[in-house]
């Protein structure tokens, strides 16, 4: 099997992701109803006006990766969505606790999500790069360290 054979499925998945995100953006832009994950993804997309032009042209990328100034905008908003989904499900509870604590201290929710996503991304890197299982316990410990002891959920 060649490298091209291994990469081909990722291009197809990328194209499907572009199409899905484009469709969600169109619904969100027109004020349509979205639920759950789609609603949170749409909000993350709206929260990033610097990428609005990317959202408008997602289907034009086909199977090519999307990058703007060294950032993959889709991955960026997906990380936002992961954190918001975790907060909505209160799983792990440290995500919601960190968001509530940070926003109560006048950190914008957007910035607090970025801080949590940074922790998540570092652990996700080990999964993707080192082929290790996601260490949810380490994630929870790292998030708990972002809180004063009195605010840490019981683990």
Protein backbone atom coordinates (compact mmCIF):
# COMPACT_ATOMS: atom_id res chain seq x y z
CA UNK A 1 0.00 0.00 0.00
CA UNK A 2 1.43 3.39 -0.98
CA UNK A 3 1.39 6.62 1.01
CA UNK A 4 -1.14 7.93 -1.51
CA UNK A 5 -3.49 5.04 -0.71
CA UNK A 6 -3.23 5.82 3.00
CA UNK A 7 -3.83 9.55 2.57
CA UNK A 8 -6.76 9.27 0.13
CA UNK A 9 -9.41 8.47 2.79
CA UNK A 10 -8.35 11.53 4.79
CA UNK A 11 -8.90 13.75 1.77
CA UNK A 12 -12.41 12.34 1.34
CA UNK A 13 -13.16 12.83 5.05
CA UNK A 14 -11.75 16.36 4.85
CA UNK A 15 -13.99 17.18 1.89
CA UNK A 16 -17.04 15.81 3.74
CA UNK A 17 -16.09 17.89 6.78
CA UNK A 18 -15.78 21.00 4.60
CA UNK A 19 -19.22 20.34 3.14
CA UNK A 20 -20.79 19.73 6.56
CA UNK A 21 -19.28 22.86 8.08
CA UNK A 22 -20.29 24.89 5.03
CA UNK A 23 -23.89 23.69 5.40
CA UNK A 24 -23.90 24.51 9.12
CA UNK A 25 -22.48 27.96 8.36
CA UNK A 26 -25.21 28.62 5.78
CA UNK A 27 -27.95 27.69 8.27
CA UNK A 28 -26.34 29.76 11.03
CA UNK A 29 -25.80 32.76 8.77
CA UNK A 30 -29.49 32.76 7.86
CA UNK A 31 -30.57 32.42 11.49
CA UNK A 32 -31.81 28.86 11.07
CA UNK A 33 -32.33 26.40 13.89
CA UNK A 34 -29.45 24.14 14.85
CA UNK A 35 -29.21 21.81 17.82
CA UNK A 36 -26.56 20.41 20.12
CA UNK A 37 -23.16 19.86 18.46
CA UNK A 38 -24.19 21.71 15.30
CA UNK A 39 -25.40 24.72 17.31
CA UNK A 40 -22.15 24.83 19.28
CA UNK A 41 -20.08 24.53 16.09
CA UNK A 42 -22.10 27.33 14.47
CA UNK A 43 -21.52 29.53 17.52
CA UNK A 44 -17.79 28.84 17.40
CA UNK A 45 -17.79 29.79 13.72
CA UNK A 46 -19.70 33.02 14.48
CA UNK A 47 -17.22 33.78 17.28
CA UNK A 48 -14.39 33.90 14.72
CA UNK A 49 -15.15 36.70 12.26
CA UNK A 50 -11.55 36.53 11.05
CA UNK A 51 -12.54 33.26 9.35
CA UNK A 52 -15.89 34.30 7.84
CA UNK A 53 -14.39 34.34 4.34
CA UNK A 54 -13.10 30.79 4.88
CA UNK A 55 -16.56 29.61 5.97
CA UNK A 56 -18.08 31.16 2.84
CA UNK A 57 -15.70 29.23 0.57
CA UNK A 58 -15.26 25.91 2.38
CA UNK A 59 -16.60 23.80 -0.46
CA UNK A 60 -14.00 25.28 -2.81
CA UNK A 61 -11.17 23.61 -0.87
CA UNK A 62 -12.26 20.11 -1.90
CA UNK A 63 -9.90 17.61 -0.30
CA UNK A 64 -7.19 20.19 0.37
CA UNK A 65 -6.43 21.22 3.94
CA UNK A 66 -7.54 24.69 5.00
CA UNK A 67 -4.95 26.98 6.51
CA UNK A 68 -4.92 30.70 7.20
CA UNK A 69 -1.88 32.38 8.73
CA UNK A 70 -0.58 29.03 9.96
CA UNK A 71 -3.89 28.06 11.59
CA UNK A 72 -6.40 25.48 10.46
CA UNK A 73 -9.66 27.41 11.10
CA UNK A 74 -11.76 24.24 11.04
CA UNK A 75 -9.61 22.51 13.62
CA UNK A 76 -9.67 25.68 15.69
CA UNK A 77 -13.47 25.86 15.83
CA UNK A 78 -13.71 22.10 16.31
CA UNK A 79 -11.59 22.47 19.45
CA UNK A 80 -13.98 25.19 20.64
CA UNK A 81 -16.85 22.82 19.97
CA UNK A 82 -15.22 19.96 21.88
CA UNK A 83 -14.80 22.19 24.95
CA UNK A 84 -18.34 23.56 24.70
CA UNK A 85 -19.72 20.02 24.32
CA UNK A 86 -17.80 18.91 27.39
CA UNK A 87 -19.16 21.89 29.32
CA UNK A 88 -22.72 21.21 28.18
CA UNK A 89 -22.45 17.56 29.22
CA UNK A 90 -20.48 18.43 32.37
CA UNK A 91 -18.04 15.71 31.38
CA UNK A 92 -15.48 16.06 32.67
CA UNK A 93 -16.87 18.40 35.34
CA UNK A 94 -13.60 20.32 35.51
CA UNK A 95 -14.33 21.90 32.12
CA UNK A 96 -17.51 23.58 33.33
CA UNK A 97 -15.83 24.49 36.64
CA UNK A 98 -12.91 26.16 34.84
CA UNK A 99 -15.25 28.05 32.50
CA UNK A 100 -17.37 29.28 35.39
CA UNK A 101 -14.35 30.24 37.48
CA UNK A 102 -12.52 32.03 34.64
CA UNK A 103 -15.58 33.95 33.46
CA UNK A 104 -16.37 34.97 37.05
CA UNK A 105 -12.88 36.51 37.10
CA UNK A 106 -13.62 38.57 33.97
CA UNK A 107 -11.88 36.29 31.51
CA UNK A 108 -14.02 36.15 28.39
CA UNK A 109 -15.66 32.81 27.75
CA UNK A 110 -13.86 32.76 24.40
CA UNK A 111 -10.47 33.09 26.10
CA UNK A 112 -11.36 30.52 28.76
CA UNK A 113 -12.36 28.06 26.03
CA UNK A 114 -8.99 28.69 24.35
CA UNK A 115 -7.16 27.92 27.59
CA UNK A 116 -9.05 24.66 28.08
CA UNK A 117 -8.68 23.71 24.41
CA UNK A 118 -4.94 24.21 24.72
CA UNK A 119 -4.81 21.62 27.52
CA UNK A 120 -7.00 19.25 25.50
CA UNK A 121 -4.92 19.71 22.33
CA UNK A 122 -1.67 18.82 24.08
CA UNK A 123 -3.15 15.54 25.28
CA UNK A 124 -4.75 14.88 21.91
CA UNK A 125 -1.32 15.29 20.31
CA UNK A 126 -0.12 12.25 22.28
CA UNK A 127 -3.05 10.26 20.93
CA UNK A 128 -2.35 11.23 17.33
CA UNK A 129 1.44 11.38 17.39
CA UNK A 130 2.41 8.71 19.92
CA UNK A 131 -0.61 6.43 19.37
CA UNK A 132 -1.44 6.45 23.07
CA UNK A 133 -4.97 6.38 24.47
CA UNK A 134 -6.38 9.71 25.61
CA UNK A 135 -5.47 10.22 29.26
CA UNK A 136 -8.71 11.58 30.70
CA UNK A 137 -7.29 11.48 34.24
CA UNK A 138 -4.37 13.68 33.21
CA UNK A 139 -6.81 16.04 31.44
CA UNK A 140 -8.91 16.34 34.59
CA UNK A 141 -5.82 16.92 36.76
CA UNK A 142 -4.49 19.63 34.44
CA UNK A 143 -7.88 21.36 34.38
CA UNK A 144 -8.21 21.12 38.16
CA UNK A 145 -4.87 22.91 38.50
CA UNK A 146 -6.47 25.87 36.73
CA UNK A 147 -8.82 26.22 39.71
CA UNK A 148 -8.22 27.23 43.31
CA UNK A 149 -8.41 24.19 45.59
CA UNK A 150 -11.76 25.31 46.99
CA UNK A 151 -13.30 25.26 43.49
CA UNK A 152 -12.03 21.84 42.37
CA UNK A 153 -14.75 19.24 41.73
CA UNK A 154 -14.59 16.08 43.79
CA UNK A 155 -12.75 13.47 41.79
